[in-house]
């Protein structure tokens, strides 16, 4: 399914927030804390499997996901699901705001 097409007839055609995300954007969690920088974006229904635990990986593939290069000391890469994207500011370089705290994100293996 294309992110601009409705899932079913009669549904709104507003693009999903994940459709506005680009690599290089900064990511902040629901509390405004820096998470890192987007290094990859996959739209919902992707066949590209993330390096995440079984079960979490399938959910990420169904909802689309961002791979985020972790920020801060001893940070690891994390995945944010498309359903966890609250807002996208397209200012240069852009900021992705999530609906969850950083510790709720899936860690990359």
PDB file of N, CA and C in Angstrom:
ATOM      1  N   UNK A   1       0.840  -1.172   0.000  1.00  0.00           N
ATOM      2  CA  UNK A   1       0.000   0.000   0.000  1.00  0.00           C
ATOM      3  C   UNK A   1       0.884   1.233   0.000  1.00  0.00           C
ATOM      4  N   UNK A   2       0.578   2.168  -0.821  1.00  0.00           N
ATOM      5  CA  UNK A   2       1.301   3.435  -0.895  1.00  0.00           C
ATOM      6  C   UNK A   2       0.883   4.299   0.286  1.00  0.00           C
ATOM      7  N   UNK A   3       1.828   5.051   0.923  1.00  0.00           N
ATOM      8  CA  UNK A   3       1.484   5.817   2.117  1.00  0.00           C
ATOM      9  C   UNK A   3       0.482   6.943   1.883  1.00  0.00           C
ATOM     10  N   UNK A   4       0.214   7.298   0.617  1.00  0.00           N
ATOM     11  CA  UNK A   4      -0.746   8.363   0.331  1.00  0.00           C
ATOM     12  C   UNK A   4      -2.106   7.820  -0.070  1.00  0.00           C
ATOM     13  N   UNK A   5      -2.235   6.511  -0.194  1.00  0.00           N
ATOM     14  CA  UNK A   5      -3.491   5.922  -0.594  1.00  0.00           C
ATOM     15  C   UNK A   5      -4.264   5.457   0.627  1.00  0.00           C
ATOM     16  N   UNK A   6      -5.581   5.562   0.598  1.00  0.00           N
ATOM     17  CA  UNK A   6      -6.347   5.061   1.733  1.00  0.00           C
ATOM     18  C   UNK A   6      -6.284   3.549   1.809  1.00  0.00           C
ATOM     19  N   UNK A   7      -6.356   3.010   3.032  1.00  0.00           N
ATOM     20  CA  UNK A   7      -6.331   1.564   3.237  1.00  0.00           C
ATOM     21  C   UNK A   7      -7.618   0.923   2.737  1.00  0.00           C
ATOM     22  N   UNK A   8      -8.702   1.676   2.776  1.00  0.00           N
ATOM     23  CA  UNK A   8      -9.989   1.179   2.320  1.00  0.00           C
ATOM     24  C   UNK A   8     -10.756   2.341   1.689  1.00  0.00           C
ATOM     25  N   UNK A   9     -11.661   2.050   0.780  1.00  0.00           N
ATOM     26  CA  UNK A   9     -12.439   3.126   0.159  1.00  0.00           C
ATOM     27  C   UNK A   9     -13.139   3.973   1.215  1.00  0.00           C
ATOM     28  N   UNK A  10     -13.135   5.282   0.993  1.00  0.00           N
ATOM     29  CA  UNK A  10     -13.806   6.187   1.911  1.00  0.00           C
ATOM     30  C   UNK A  10     -12.945   6.682   3.058  1.00  0.00           C
ATOM     31  N   UNK A  11     -11.734   6.126   3.200  1.00  0.00           N
ATOM     32  CA  UNK A  11     -10.845   6.573   4.269  1.00  0.00           C
ATOM     33  C   UNK A  11     -10.081   7.813   3.799  1.00  0.00           C
ATOM     34  N   UNK A  12      -9.635   8.661   4.734  1.00  0.00           N
ATOM     35  CA  UNK A  12      -8.892   9.857   4.342  1.00  0.00           C
ATOM     36  C   UNK A  12      -7.578   9.489   3.653  1.00  0.00           C
ATOM     37  N   UNK A  13      -7.097  10.394   2.804  1.00  0.00           N
ATOM     38  CA  UNK A  13      -5.871  10.143   2.059  1.00  0.00           C
ATOM     39  C   UNK A  13      -4.699  10.954   2.597  1.00  0.00           C
ATOM     40  N   UNK A  14      -4.779  11.445   3.816  1.00  0.00           N
ATOM     41  CA  UNK A  14      -3.654  12.156   4.428  1.00  0.00           C
ATOM     42  C   UNK A  14      -2.455  11.240   4.480  1.00  0.00           C
ATOM     43  N   UNK A  15      -1.281  11.755   4.122  1.00  0.00           N
ATOM     44  CA  UNK A  15      -0.095  10.890   4.205  1.00  0.00           C
ATOM     45  C   UNK A  15       0.233  10.551   5.653  1.00  0.00           C
ATOM     46  N   UNK A  16       0.745   9.374   5.851  1.00  0.00           N
ATOM     47  CA  UNK A  16       1.197   8.980   7.180  1.00  0.00           C
ATOM     48  C   UNK A  16       2.397   9.832   7.554  1.00  0.00           C
ATOM     49  N   UNK A  17       2.580  10.151   8.833  1.00  0.00           N
ATOM     50  CA  UNK A  17       3.750  10.941   9.229  1.00  0.00           C
ATOM     51  C   UNK A  17       5.074  10.326   8.767  1.00  0.00           C
ATOM     52  N   UNK A  18       5.178   8.994   8.769  1.00  0.00           N
ATOM     53  CA  UNK A  18       6.422   8.355   8.359  1.00  0.00           C
ATOM     54  C   UNK A  18       6.766   8.674   6.903  1.00  0.00           C
ATOM     55  N   UNK A  19       5.774   8.974   6.081  1.00  0.00           N
ATOM     56  CA  UNK A  19       6.013   9.291   4.675  1.00  0.00           C
ATOM     57  C   UNK A  19       6.754  10.618   4.510  1.00  0.00           C
ATOM     58  N   UNK A  20       6.804  11.430   5.567  1.00  0.00           N
ATOM     59  CA  UNK A  20       7.484  12.725   5.518  1.00  0.00           C
ATOM     60  C   UNK A  20       8.901  12.660   6.077  1.00  0.00           C
ATOM     61  N   UNK A  21       9.319  11.495   6.559  1.00  0.00           N
ATOM     62  CA  UNK A  21      10.627  11.345   7.197  1.00  0.00           C
ATOM     63  C   UNK A  21      11.699  11.060   6.151  1.00  0.00           C
ATOM     64  N   UNK A  22      12.849  11.701   6.315  1.00  0.00           N
ATOM     65  CA  UNK A  22      13.998  11.486   5.440  1.00  0.00           C
ATOM     66  C   UNK A  22      15.233  11.173   6.274  1.00  0.00           C
ATOM     67  N   UNK A  23      16.199  10.482   5.678  1.00  0.00           N
ATOM     68  CA  UNK A  23      17.447  10.229   6.375  1.00  0.00           C
ATOM     69  C   UNK A  23      18.118  11.559   6.696  1.00  0.00           C
ATOM     70  N   UNK A  24      18.821  11.569   7.819  1.00  0.00           N
ATOM     71  CA  UNK A  24      19.507  12.779   8.266  1.00  0.00           C
ATOM     72  C   UNK A  24      18.699  13.627   9.232  1.00  0.00           C
ATOM     73  N   UNK A  25      17.394  13.350   9.361  1.00  0.00           N
ATOM     74  CA  UNK A  25      16.569  14.115  10.302  1.00  0.00           C
ATOM     75  C   UNK A  25      16.918  13.713  11.727  1.00  0.00           C
ATOM     76  N   UNK A  26      16.801  14.676  12.645  1.00  0.00           N
ATOM     77  CA  UNK A  26      16.983  14.404  14.068  1.00  0.00           C
ATOM     78  C   UNK A  26      15.717  13.777  14.621  1.00  0.00           C
ATOM     79  N   UNK A  27      15.880  12.941  15.648  1.00  0.00           N
ATOM     80  CA  UNK A  27      14.739  12.277  16.279  1.00  0.00           C
ATOM     81  C   UNK A  27      14.747  12.608  17.770  1.00  0.00           C
ATOM     82  N   UNK A  28      13.575  13.019  18.276  1.00  0.00           N
ATOM     83  CA  UNK A  28      13.404  13.250  19.706  1.00  0.00           C
ATOM     84  C   UNK A  28      12.247  12.397  20.196  1.00  0.00           C
ATOM     85  N   UNK A  29      12.338  11.990  21.475  1.00  0.00           N
ATOM     86  CA  UNK A  29      11.268  11.149  22.018  1.00  0.00           C
ATOM     87  C   UNK A  29      10.123  12.013  22.531  1.00  0.00           C
ATOM     88  N   UNK A  30       9.130  11.384  23.147  1.00  0.00           N
ATOM     89  CA  UNK A  30       7.937  12.089  23.611  1.00  0.00           C
ATOM     90  C   UNK A  30       8.252  13.146  24.662  1.00  0.00           C
ATOM     91  N   UNK A  31       9.377  12.997  25.378  1.00  0.00           N
ATOM     92  CA  UNK A  31       9.777  13.963  26.406  1.00  0.00           C
ATOM     93  C   UNK A  31      10.681  15.060  25.839  1.00  0.00           C
ATOM     94  N   UNK A  32      10.969  14.989  24.537  1.00  0.00           N
ATOM     95  CA  UNK A  32      11.831  15.982  23.913  1.00  0.00           C
ATOM     96  C   UNK A  32      13.314  15.672  24.007  1.00  0.00           C
ATOM     97  N   UNK A  33      13.656  14.471  24.516  1.00  0.00           N
ATOM     98  CA  UNK A  33      15.054  14.061  24.635  1.00  0.00           C
ATOM     99  C   UNK A  33      15.569  13.556  23.286  1.00  0.00           C
ATOM    100  N   UNK A  34      16.808  13.897  22.950  1.00  0.00           N
ATOM    101  CA  UNK A  34      17.408  13.467  21.689  1.00  0.00           C
ATOM    102  C   UNK A  34      17.552  11.948  21.658  1.00  0.00           C
ATOM    103  N   UNK A  35      17.129  11.356  20.571  1.00  0.00           N
ATOM    104  CA  UNK A  35      17.268   9.918  20.362  1.00  0.00           C
ATOM    105  C   UNK A  35      18.424   9.658  19.399  1.00  0.00           C
ATOM    106  N   UNK A  36      18.542  10.460  18.348  1.00  0.00           N
ATOM    107  CA  UNK A  36      19.606  10.298  17.367  1.00  0.00           C
ATOM    108  C   UNK A  36      19.205  10.841  16.016  1.00  0.00           C
ATOM    109  N   UNK A  37      19.783  10.248  14.974  1.00  0.00           N
ATOM    110  CA  UNK A  37      19.578  10.698  13.598  1.00  0.00           C
ATOM    111  C   UNK A  37      19.051   9.547  12.753  1.00  0.00           C
ATOM    112  N   UNK A  38      18.067   9.824  11.905  1.00  0.00           N
ATOM    113  CA  UNK A  38      17.491   8.803  11.022  1.00  0.00           C
ATOM    114  C   UNK A  38      18.543   8.358  10.011  1.00  0.00           C
ATOM    115  N   UNK A  39      18.793   7.048   9.960  1.00  0.00           N
ATOM    116  CA  UNK A  39      19.736   6.498   8.982  1.00  0.00           C
ATOM    117  C   UNK A  39      19.028   5.679   7.909  1.00  0.00           C
ATOM    118  N   UNK A  40      17.771   5.289   8.153  1.00  0.00           N
ATOM    119  CA  UNK A  40      17.005   4.525   7.160  1.00  0.00           C
ATOM    120  C   UNK A  40      15.518   4.687   7.446  1.00  0.00           C
ATOM    121  N   UNK A  41      14.718   4.667   6.381  1.00  0.00           N
ATOM    122  CA  UNK A  41      13.259   4.754   6.491  1.00  0.00           C
ATOM    123  C   UNK A  41      12.663   3.670   5.612  1.00  0.00           C
ATOM    124  N   UNK A  42      11.760   2.892   6.177  1.00  0.00           N
ATOM    125  CA  UNK A  42      11.016   1.881   5.423  1.00  0.00           C
ATOM    126  C   UNK A  42       9.531   2.137   5.634  1.00  0.00           C
ATOM    127  N   UNK A  43       8.782   2.182   4.549  1.00  0.00           N
ATOM    128  CA  UNK A  43       7.347   2.448   4.609  1.00  0.00           C
ATOM    129  C   UNK A  43       6.580   1.195   5.061  1.00  0.00           C
ATOM    130  N   UNK A  44       5.341   1.368   5.537  1.00  0.00           N
ATOM    131  CA  UNK A  44       4.536   0.219   5.970  1.00  0.00           C
ATOM    132  C   UNK A  44       4.428  -0.848   4.881  1.00  0.00           C
ATOM    133  N   UNK A  45       4.493  -2.103   5.321  1.00  0.00           N
ATOM    134  CA  UNK A  45       4.385  -3.224   4.401  1.00  0.00           C
ATOM    135  C   UNK A  45       5.695  -3.595   3.721  1.00  0.00           C
ATOM    136  N   UNK A  46       6.796  -3.059   4.215  1.00  0.00           N
ATOM    137  CA  UNK A  46       8.096  -3.339   3.600  1.00  0.00           C
ATOM    138  C   UNK A  46       8.495  -4.806   3.739  1.00  0.00           C
ATOM    139  N   UNK A  47       9.302  -5.260   2.808  1.00  0.00           N
ATOM    140  CA  UNK A  47       9.882  -6.597   2.893  1.00  0.00           C
ATOM    141  C   UNK A  47      11.279  -6.551   3.495  1.00  0.00           C
ATOM    142  N   UNK A  48      11.753  -5.358   3.815  1.00  0.00           N
ATOM    143  CA  UNK A  48      13.096  -5.186   4.376  1.00  0.00           C
ATOM    144  C   UNK A  48      13.023  -5.444   5.872  1.00  0.00           C
ATOM    145  N   UNK A  49      13.620  -6.544   6.294  1.00  0.00           N
ATOM    146  CA  UNK A  49      13.567  -6.960   7.697  1.00  0.00           C
ATOM    147  C   UNK A  49      14.603  -6.191   8.520  1.00  0.00           C
ATOM    148  N   UNK A  50      14.162  -5.535   9.606  1.00  0.00           N
ATOM    149  CA  UNK A  50      15.118  -4.844  10.472  1.00  0.00           C
ATOM    150  C   UNK A  50      15.878  -5.837  11.347  1.00  0.00           C
ATOM    151  N   UNK A  51      17.017  -5.403  11.841  1.00  0.00           N
ATOM    152  CA  UNK A  51      17.856  -6.215  12.722  1.00  0.00           C
ATOM    153  C   UNK A  51      17.324  -6.080  14.150  1.00  0.00           C
ATOM    154  N   UNK A  52      16.120  -6.628  14.358  1.00  0.00           N
ATOM    155  CA  UNK A  52      15.438  -6.540  15.652  1.00  0.00           C
ATOM    156  C   UNK A  52      14.961  -7.934  16.036  1.00  0.00           C
ATOM    157  N   UNK A  53      14.645  -8.139  17.321  1.00  0.00           N
ATOM    158  CA  UNK A  53      14.171  -9.460  17.758  1.00  0.00           C
ATOM    159  C   UNK A  53      12.925  -9.919  17.003  1.00  0.00           C
ATOM    160  N   UNK A  54      12.800 -11.241  16.871  1.00  0.00           N
ATOM    161  CA  UNK A  54      11.634 -11.852  16.228  1.00  0.00           C
ATOM    162  C   UNK A  54      10.367 -11.332  16.908  1.00  0.00           C
ATOM    163  N   UNK A  55       9.345 -11.070  16.151  1.00  0.00           N
ATOM    164  CA  UNK A  55       8.102 -10.508  16.676  1.00  0.00           C
ATOM    165  C   UNK A  55       8.121  -8.999  16.548  1.00  0.00           C
ATOM    166  N   UNK A  56       9.137  -8.369  17.116  1.00  0.00           N
ATOM    167  CA  UNK A  56       9.283  -6.918  16.972  1.00  0.00           C
ATOM    168  C   UNK A  56       9.574  -6.580  15.517  1.00  0.00           C
ATOM    169  N   UNK A  57      10.422  -7.372  14.871  1.00  0.00           N
ATOM    170  CA  UNK A  57      10.787  -7.115  13.475  1.00  0.00           C
ATOM    171  C   UNK A  57       9.553  -7.160  12.572  1.00  0.00           C
ATOM    172  N   UNK A  58       8.688  -8.143  12.772  1.00  0.00           N
ATOM    173  CA  UNK A  58       7.489  -8.266  11.948  1.00  0.00           C
ATOM    174  C   UNK A  58       6.533  -7.088  12.167  1.00  0.00           C
ATOM    175  N   UNK A  59       6.408  -6.646  13.395  1.00  0.00           N
ATOM    176  CA  UNK A  59       5.566  -5.480  13.690  1.00  0.00           C
ATOM    177  C   UNK A  59       6.126  -4.227  13.011  1.00  0.00           C
ATOM    178  N   UNK A  60       7.442  -4.058  13.075  1.00  0.00           N
ATOM    179  CA  UNK A  60       8.072  -2.907  12.426  1.00  0.00           C
ATOM    180  C   UNK A  60       7.845  -2.944  10.920  1.00  0.00           C
ATOM    181  N   UNK A  61       7.967  -4.120  10.322  1.00  0.00           N
ATOM    182  CA  UNK A  61       7.762  -4.248   8.879  1.00  0.00           C
ATOM    183  C   UNK A  61       6.320  -3.904   8.496  1.00  0.00           C
ATOM    184  N   UNK A  62       5.370  -4.318   9.289  1.00  0.00           N
ATOM    185  CA  UNK A  62       3.962  -4.045   8.995  1.00  0.00           C
ATOM    186  C   UNK A  62       3.628  -2.560   9.122  1.00  0.00           C
ATOM    187  N   UNK A  63       4.231  -1.886  10.135  1.00  0.00           N
ATOM    188  CA  UNK A  63       3.923  -0.483  10.408  1.00  0.00           C
ATOM    189  C   UNK A  63       4.880   0.499   9.750  1.00  0.00           C
ATOM    190  N   UNK A  64       5.935  -0.014   9.117  1.00  0.00           N
ATOM    191  CA  UNK A  64       7.003   0.848   8.625  1.00  0.00           C
ATOM    192  C   UNK A  64       7.893   1.199   9.810  1.00  0.00           C
ATOM    193  N   UNK A  65       9.123   1.633   9.530  1.00  0.00           N
ATOM    194  CA  UNK A  65      10.015   1.940  10.639  1.00  0.00           C
ATOM    195  C   UNK A  65      11.131   2.884  10.229  1.00  0.00           C
ATOM    196  N   UNK A  66      11.741   3.476  11.249  1.00  0.00           N
ATOM    197  CA  UNK A  66      12.930   4.297  11.101  1.00  0.00           C
ATOM    198  C   UNK A  66      14.055   3.595  11.838  1.00  0.00           C
ATOM    199  N   UNK A  67      15.231   3.558  11.245  1.00  0.00           N
ATOM    200  CA  UNK A  67      16.421   3.141  11.998  1.00  0.00           C
ATOM    201  C   UNK A  67      17.085   4.434  12.426  1.00  0.00           C
ATOM    202  N   UNK A  68      17.383   4.522  13.721  1.00  0.00           N
ATOM    203  CA  UNK A  68      17.932   5.739  14.288  1.00  0.00           C
ATOM    204  C   UNK A  68      19.306   5.451  14.874  1.00  0.00           C
ATOM    205  N   UNK A  69      20.305   6.197  14.400  1.00  0.00           N
ATOM    206  CA  UNK A  69      21.659   6.119  14.930  1.00  0.00           C
ATOM    207  C   UNK A  69      21.621   6.785  16.296  1.00  0.00           C
ATOM    208  N   UNK A  70      21.850   6.027  17.346  1.00  0.00           N
ATOM    209  CA  UNK A  70      21.709   6.515  18.709  1.00  0.00           C
ATOM    210  C   UNK A  70      22.576   7.712  19.034  1.00  0.00           C
ATOM    211  N   UNK A  71      22.047   8.592  19.885  1.00  0.00           N
ATOM    212  CA  UNK A  71      22.770   9.777  20.343  1.00  0.00           C
ATOM    213  C   UNK A  71      23.228   9.554  21.781  1.00  0.00           C
ATOM    214  N   UNK A  72      24.328  10.168  22.143  1.00  0.00           N
ATOM    215  CA  UNK A  72      24.792  10.115  23.523  1.00  0.00           C
ATOM    216  C   UNK A  72      25.823   9.035  23.762  1.00  0.00           C
ATOM    217  N   UNK A  73      26.373   9.074  24.959  1.00  0.00           N
ATOM    218  CA  UNK A  73      27.411   8.148  25.372  1.00  0.00           C
ATOM    219  C   UNK A  73      26.876   6.723  25.416  1.00  0.00           C
ATOM    220  N   UNK A  74      27.604   5.793  24.820  1.00  0.00           N
ATOM    221  CA  UNK A  74      27.257   4.372  24.793  1.00  0.00           C
ATOM    222  C   UNK A  74      25.877   4.115  24.195  1.00  0.00           C
ATOM    223  N   UNK A  75      25.487   4.917  23.214  1.00  0.00           N
ATOM    224  CA  UNK A  75      24.187   4.756  22.573  1.00  0.00           C
ATOM    225  C   UNK A  75      24.233   3.628  21.550  1.00  0.00           C
ATOM    226  N   UNK A  76      23.101   2.977  21.369  1.00  0.00           N
ATOM    227  CA  UNK A  76      22.968   1.952  20.340  1.00  0.00           C
ATOM    228  C   UNK A  76      21.900   2.405  19.357  1.00  0.00           C
ATOM    229  N   UNK A  77      21.910   1.814  18.173  1.00  0.00           N
ATOM    230  CA  UNK A  77      20.879   2.116  17.197  1.00  0.00           C
ATOM    231  C   UNK A  77      19.551   1.542  17.680  1.00  0.00           C
ATOM    232  N   UNK A  78      18.477   2.247  17.342  1.00  0.00           N
ATOM    233  CA  UNK A  78      17.136   1.809  17.718  1.00  0.00           C
ATOM    234  C   UNK A  78      16.220   1.919  16.510  1.00  0.00           C
ATOM    235  N   UNK A  79      15.071   1.257  16.611  1.00  0.00           N
ATOM    236  CA  UNK A  79      14.029   1.335  15.592  1.00  0.00           C
ATOM    237  C   UNK A  79      12.786   1.971  16.198  1.00  0.00           C
ATOM    238  N   UNK A  80      12.202   2.903  15.445  1.00  0.00           N
ATOM    239  CA  UNK A  80      10.910   3.475  15.816  1.00  0.00           C
ATOM    240  C   UNK A  80       9.909   3.022  14.767  1.00  0.00           C
ATOM    241  N   UNK A  81       8.786   2.494  15.210  1.00  0.00           N
ATOM    242  CA  UNK A  81       7.751   2.070  14.283  1.00  0.00           C
ATOM    243  C   UNK A  81       7.033   3.268  13.692  1.00  0.00           C
ATOM    244  N   UNK A  82       6.503   3.112  12.501  1.00  0.00           N
ATOM    245  CA  UNK A  82       5.767   4.196  11.856  1.00  0.00           C
ATOM    246  C   UNK A  82       4.621   4.703  12.708  1.00  0.00           C
ATOM    247  N   UNK A  83       4.002   3.829  13.487  1.00  0.00           N
ATOM    248  CA  UNK A  83       2.901   4.212  14.367  1.00  0.00           C
ATOM    249  C   UNK A  83       3.384   5.006  15.586  1.00  0.00           C
ATOM    250  N   UNK A  84       4.705   5.069  15.791  1.00  0.00           N
ATOM    251  CA  UNK A  84       5.274   5.810  16.917  1.00  0.00           C
ATOM    252  C   UNK A  84       5.722   7.216  16.519  1.00  0.00           C
ATOM    253  N   UNK A  85       5.512   7.598  15.264  1.00  0.00           N
ATOM    254  CA  UNK A  85       5.872   8.932  14.790  1.00  0.00           C
ATOM    255  C   UNK A  85       4.694   9.863  15.032  1.00  0.00           C
ATOM    256  N   UNK A  86       4.910  10.868  15.896  1.00  0.00           N
ATOM    257  CA  UNK A  86       3.844  11.812  16.224  1.00  0.00           C
ATOM    258  C   UNK A  86       3.810  12.979  15.255  1.00  0.00           C
ATOM    259  N   UNK A  87       5.002  13.508  14.926  1.00  0.00           N
ATOM    260  CA  UNK A  87       5.064  14.726  14.131  1.00  0.00           C
ATOM    261  C   UNK A  87       6.396  14.766  13.385  1.00  0.00           C
ATOM    262  N   UNK A  88       6.380  15.413  12.231  1.00  0.00           N
ATOM    263  CA  UNK A  88       7.595  15.594  11.451  1.00  0.00           C
ATOM    264  C   UNK A  88       7.691  17.058  11.059  1.00  0.00           C
ATOM    265  N   UNK A  89       8.770  17.700  11.471  1.00  0.00           N
ATOM    266  CA  UNK A  89       9.055  19.076  11.085  1.00  0.00           C
ATOM    267  C   UNK A  89      10.048  19.018   9.940  1.00  0.00           C
ATOM    268  N   UNK A  90       9.683  19.593   8.804  1.00  0.00           N
ATOM    269  CA  UNK A  90      10.531  19.489   7.629  1.00  0.00           C
ATOM    270  C   UNK A  90      11.531  20.638   7.513  1.00  0.00           C
ATOM    271  N   UNK A  91      11.736  21.395   8.585  1.00  0.00           N
ATOM    272  CA  UNK A  91      12.766  22.435   8.569  1.00  0.00           C
ATOM    273  C   UNK A  91      14.112  21.760   8.337  1.00  0.00           C
ATOM    274  N   UNK A  92      15.097  22.514   7.898  1.00  0.00           N
ATOM    275  CA  UNK A  92      16.410  21.923   7.619  1.00  0.00           C
ATOM    276  C   UNK A  92      17.185  21.728   8.900  1.00  0.00           C
ATOM    277  N   UNK A  93      17.588  20.540   9.325  1.00  0.00           N
ATOM    278  CA  UNK A  93      17.505  19.264   8.626  1.00  0.00           C
ATOM    279  C   UNK A  93      16.233  18.492   8.926  1.00  0.00           C
ATOM    280  N   UNK A  94      15.340  18.994   9.742  1.00  0.00           N
ATOM    281  CA  UNK A  94      14.102  18.306  10.058  1.00  0.00           C
ATOM    282  C   UNK A  94      14.180  17.565  11.375  1.00  0.00           C
ATOM    283  N   UNK A  95      13.032  17.481  12.045  1.00  0.00           N
ATOM    284  CA  UNK A  95      12.959  16.801  13.338  1.00  0.00           C
ATOM    285  C   UNK A  95      11.751  15.877  13.347  1.00  0.00           C
ATOM    286  N   UNK A  96      11.982  14.657  13.796  1.00  0.00           N
ATOM    287  CA  UNK A  96      10.920  13.667  13.966  1.00  0.00           C
ATOM    288  C   UNK A  96      10.641  13.574  15.460  1.00  0.00           C
ATOM    289  N   UNK A  97       9.397  13.797  15.851  1.00  0.00           N
ATOM    290  CA  UNK A  97       8.999  13.676  17.254  1.00  0.00           C
ATOM    291  C   UNK A  97       8.202  12.382  17.409  1.00  0.00           C
ATOM    292  N   UNK A  98       8.581  11.600  18.404  1.00  0.00           N
ATOM    293  CA  UNK A  98       7.939  10.309  18.636  1.00  0.00           C
ATOM    294  C   UNK A  98       6.842  10.413  19.697  1.00  0.00           C
ATOM    295  N   UNK A  99       5.986   9.407  19.746  1.00  0.00           N
ATOM    296  CA  UNK A  99       4.898   9.350  20.727  1.00  0.00           C
ATOM    297  C   UNK A  99       5.304   8.616  21.992  1.00  0.00           C
ATOM    298  N   UNK A 100       6.509   8.059  22.009  1.00  0.00           N
ATOM    299  CA  UNK A 100       6.961   7.207  23.114  1.00  0.00           C
ATOM    300  C   UNK A 100       8.321   7.673  23.635  1.00  0.00           C
ATOM    301  N   UNK A 101       8.677   7.268  24.869  1.00  0.00           N
ATOM    302  CA  UNK A 101      10.025   7.559  25.359  1.00  0.00           C
ATOM    303  C   UNK A 101      11.044   6.659  24.665  1.00  0.00           C
ATOM    304  N   UNK A 102      12.302   7.069  24.688  1.00  0.00           N
ATOM    305  CA  UNK A 102      13.377   6.316  24.027  1.00  0.00           C
ATOM    306  C   UNK A 102      13.433   4.865  24.478  1.00  0.00           C
ATOM    307  N   UNK A 103      13.220   4.614  25.765  1.00  0.00           N
ATOM    308  CA  UNK A 103      13.352   3.232  26.254  1.00  0.00           C
ATOM    309  C   UNK A 103      12.241   2.303  25.773  1.00  0.00           C
ATOM    310  N   UNK A 104      11.232   2.831  25.101  1.00  0.00           N
ATOM    311  CA  UNK A 104      10.165   2.004  24.543  1.00  0.00           C
ATOM    312  C   UNK A 104      10.471   1.551  23.110  1.00  0.00           C
ATOM    313  N   UNK A 105      11.589   2.030  22.544  1.00  0.00           N
ATOM    314  CA  UNK A 105      11.952   1.690  21.170  1.00  0.00           C
ATOM    315  C   UNK A 105      12.669   0.341  21.105  1.00  0.00           C
ATOM    316  N   UNK A 106      12.592  -0.297  19.952  1.00  0.00           N
ATOM    317  CA  UNK A 106      13.276  -1.573  19.732  1.00  0.00           C
ATOM    318  C   UNK A 106      14.757  -1.314  19.492  1.00  0.00           C
ATOM    319  N   UNK A 107      15.610  -2.061  20.168  1.00  0.00           N
ATOM    320  CA  UNK A 107      17.056  -1.924  19.966  1.00  0.00           C
ATOM    321  C   UNK A 107      17.501  -2.794  18.807  1.00  0.00           C
ATOM    322  N   UNK A 108      18.438  -2.251  18.025  1.00  0.00           N
ATOM    323  CA  UNK A 108      19.031  -3.022  16.938  1.00  0.00           C
ATOM    324  C   UNK A 108      19.955  -4.059  17.539  1.00  0.00           C
ATOM    325  N   UNK A 109      19.995  -5.244  16.952  1.00  0.00           N
ATOM    326  CA  UNK A 109      20.870  -6.321  17.426  1.00  0.00           C
ATOM    327  C   UNK A 109      22.307  -6.067  17.034  1.00  0.00           C
TER     328      UNK A 109
END
